[in-house]
Protein backbone atom coordinates (compact mmCIF):
# COMPACT_ATOMS: atom_id res chain seq x y z
CA MET A 1 144.48 37.25 236.97
CA SER A 2 142.41 40.22 236.07
CA HIS A 3 142.56 41.84 232.67
CA GLY A 4 140.58 44.88 233.63
CA PRO A 5 141.12 48.33 232.19
CA ARG A 6 144.62 49.70 232.59
CA SER A 7 145.39 53.23 233.45
CA SER A 8 144.52 55.18 230.31
CA SER A 9 146.33 58.41 231.18
CA ARG A 10 149.53 57.17 229.53
CA SER A 11 147.87 55.84 226.38
CA LYS A 12 145.83 59.02 225.85
CA SER A 13 148.80 61.35 226.28
CA GLU A 14 151.15 59.38 224.02
CA PRO A 15 149.41 60.40 220.75
CA VAL A 16 149.29 64.04 221.90
CA GLU A 17 152.99 64.03 222.85
CA SER A 18 153.90 62.26 219.61
CA ALA A 19 151.93 64.77 217.53
CA ARG A 20 153.49 67.68 219.44
CA ARG A 21 157.01 66.31 218.89
CA GLY A 22 156.26 65.80 215.20
CA PHE A 23 154.92 69.34 214.85
CA PHE A 24 157.99 70.87 216.50
CA ALA A 25 160.32 68.68 214.43
CA VAL A 26 158.67 69.93 211.21
CA LEU A 27 158.72 73.53 212.47
CA SER A 28 162.42 73.25 213.37
CA GLY A 29 163.21 71.76 209.97
CA LEU A 30 161.42 74.60 208.19
CA ALA A 31 163.25 77.22 210.25
CA LEU A 32 166.62 75.66 209.42
CA ALA A 33 165.72 75.44 205.73
CA LEU A 34 164.76 79.13 205.65
CA LEU A 35 168.00 80.14 207.35
CA ALA A 36 170.10 78.07 204.96
CA TRP A 37 168.15 78.98 201.78
CA PRO A 38 170.35 81.79 200.39
CA LYS A 39 173.54 79.80 200.94
CA ALA A 40 172.05 76.61 199.45
CA VAL A 41 170.68 78.42 196.42
CA LEU A 42 173.96 80.19 195.77
CA ALA A 43 176.14 77.14 196.33
CA GLY A 44 174.34 75.07 193.74
CA SER A 45 173.79 77.62 191.04
CA LYS A 46 176.51 79.42 189.13
CA PRO A 47 174.22 81.96 187.45
CA TRP A 48 174.20 84.10 190.62
CA VAL A 49 176.68 86.98 190.52
CA ALA A 50 177.53 89.11 193.55
CA ILE A 51 178.12 92.85 193.44
CA PRO A 52 179.74 93.96 196.71
CA LEU A 53 178.20 97.23 197.88
CA SER A 54 181.71 98.45 198.68
CA LYS A 55 182.33 98.46 194.91
CA ALA A 56 178.91 99.87 194.04
CA PRO A 57 178.38 102.88 196.35
CA LYS A 58 175.42 104.12 194.28
CA LEU A 59 173.49 100.99 195.31
CA LYS A 60 174.05 101.47 199.04
CA LYS A 61 171.03 103.75 199.39
CA THR A 62 167.42 103.65 198.33
CA GLY A 63 166.93 105.37 194.97
CA GLY A 64 170.42 104.54 193.78
CA SER A 65 171.14 102.99 190.40
CA MET A 66 174.07 102.10 188.19
CA VAL A 67 174.89 100.54 184.85
CA THR A 68 177.31 97.64 184.92
CA ARG A 69 178.52 94.94 182.56
CA ILE A 70 178.16 91.35 183.77
CA ARG A 71 178.81 88.28 181.63
CA GLY A 72 178.89 90.41 178.50
CA GLN A 73 175.54 92.05 179.22
CA GLU A 74 175.05 95.70 180.09
CA LEU A 75 172.61 95.94 183.02
CA LEU A 76 170.78 98.73 184.79
CA VAL A 77 170.61 97.85 188.51
CA ILE A 78 168.20 99.82 190.70
CA ARG A 79 167.81 99.80 194.48
CA ASP A 80 164.35 101.03 195.38
CA GLY A 81 164.20 99.88 199.00
CA ASP A 82 166.30 98.47 201.85
CA GLY A 83 165.75 94.93 200.63
CA SER A 84 164.47 95.61 197.14
CA VAL A 85 166.57 95.70 194.00
CA HIS A 86 165.85 95.26 190.27
CA ALA A 87 168.05 94.46 187.28
CA PHE A 88 167.22 95.07 183.61
CA GLU A 89 169.02 95.07 180.29
CA ALA A 90 170.32 98.63 180.04
CA LYS A 91 169.05 99.25 176.49
CA CYS A 92 165.52 100.15 175.44
CA PRO A 93 163.79 97.45 173.38
CA HIS A 94 162.57 100.16 170.97
CA GLU A 95 165.81 101.48 169.44
CA GLU A 96 168.53 100.39 171.87
CA CYS A 97 168.83 103.77 173.62
CA ASP A 98 170.50 103.88 177.04
CA LEU A 99 168.07 103.61 179.95
CA ASN A 100 168.12 105.66 183.17
CA TYR A 101 166.38 105.31 186.50
CA ALA A 102 164.02 108.19 187.36
CA PRO A 103 163.68 107.89 191.17
CA GLU A 104 161.13 110.71 191.40
CA ARG A 105 158.77 108.61 189.23
CA GLN A 106 160.06 105.25 190.47
CA ALA A 107 160.35 104.26 186.83
CA VAL A 108 162.94 103.37 184.22
CA GLU A 109 163.23 106.04 181.56
CA CYS A 110 164.27 106.00 177.92
CA PRO A 111 165.03 109.63 177.09
CA CYS A 112 165.18 109.05 173.31
CA HIS A 113 161.41 108.81 172.85
CA ASP A 114 160.03 109.75 176.28
CA ALA A 115 159.31 106.14 177.23
CA PHE A 116 158.84 104.87 180.80
CA PHE A 117 158.77 101.39 182.34
CA ASP A 118 157.65 100.34 185.80
CA LEU A 119 159.98 98.46 188.14
CA CYS A 120 158.71 95.15 186.80
CA GLY A 121 159.79 96.22 183.29
CA LYS A 122 156.25 96.80 181.94
CA VAL A 123 155.86 99.63 179.40
CA LEU A 124 154.05 102.58 181.00
CA GLN A 125 154.43 105.13 178.23
CA GLY A 126 156.01 105.49 174.81
CA PRO A 127 156.73 103.41 171.72
CA PRO A 128 158.66 100.36 173.08
CA PRO A 129 157.09 97.22 171.61
CA ARG A 130 157.73 95.00 174.62
CA PRO A 131 158.71 95.10 178.30
CA LEU A 132 162.28 95.25 179.53
CA VAL A 133 164.24 92.04 179.97
CA SER A 134 164.65 91.67 183.73
CA TYR A 135 166.80 89.46 185.93
CA PRO A 136 166.16 88.23 189.48
CA ALA A 137 168.04 90.31 192.05
CA ILE A 138 168.18 90.34 195.84
CA VAL A 139 169.96 92.26 198.58
CA ASP A 140 172.04 89.84 200.66
CA GLY A 141 173.71 91.73 203.49
CA ASP A 142 176.51 93.85 202.06
CA ARG A 143 176.07 92.70 198.48
CA ILE A 144 173.57 92.58 195.64
CA LEU A 145 173.01 89.17 194.04
CA LEU A 146 171.92 88.97 190.42
CA ARG A 147 170.86 85.84 188.59
CA ILE A 148 172.41 86.20 185.15
CA PRO A 149 172.41 83.20 182.80
CA GLU A 150 175.84 82.11 181.64
CA GLY A 151 176.71 82.44 178.00
C-alpha cells in the first residue's frame, strides 16, 4: 500500500473557498446590520421622537425651519439638505431671545444682539457666552427623527 502524495488540488482550494465563504458571510451580515440600523436604534430607545413631514410642511424642503415644543422643550428644527437636519434649543444662551434660521447665511440668528451660530451651534458672532444646545436629528423617509432626552 502506497502512501504517496495525494491530489493536492482539493486541499489547496479548501482554505481559499473557506476564506471566501467567510468573507461573504461577514459582508452579508454587515449589509443586513446597516439596513436594519434605523429600526433597531429606534425600537430600543425611547428618546427618539418622530415629526411626520405631513405635519411639518416647512421642513419638507431645503432651507425650511420651524419652532416646535417636544417633551417640554422649545426647539428650532432646520432642514439644510435632503438628508440633513439640525435641532437646537430655540432660545439664545445669552438672554433667552427667540432664535431664527437665516437660510441666506446658513446660520442660526439671534436678532436681539446680532448674534449668529453655525449649524453645529458654535458662536460665529455676538455676545452669547456658549454654543447652542443641540440634539441629534436625522431625516428618515417622510419624517424627521429627533433624539430628545426624556424628563
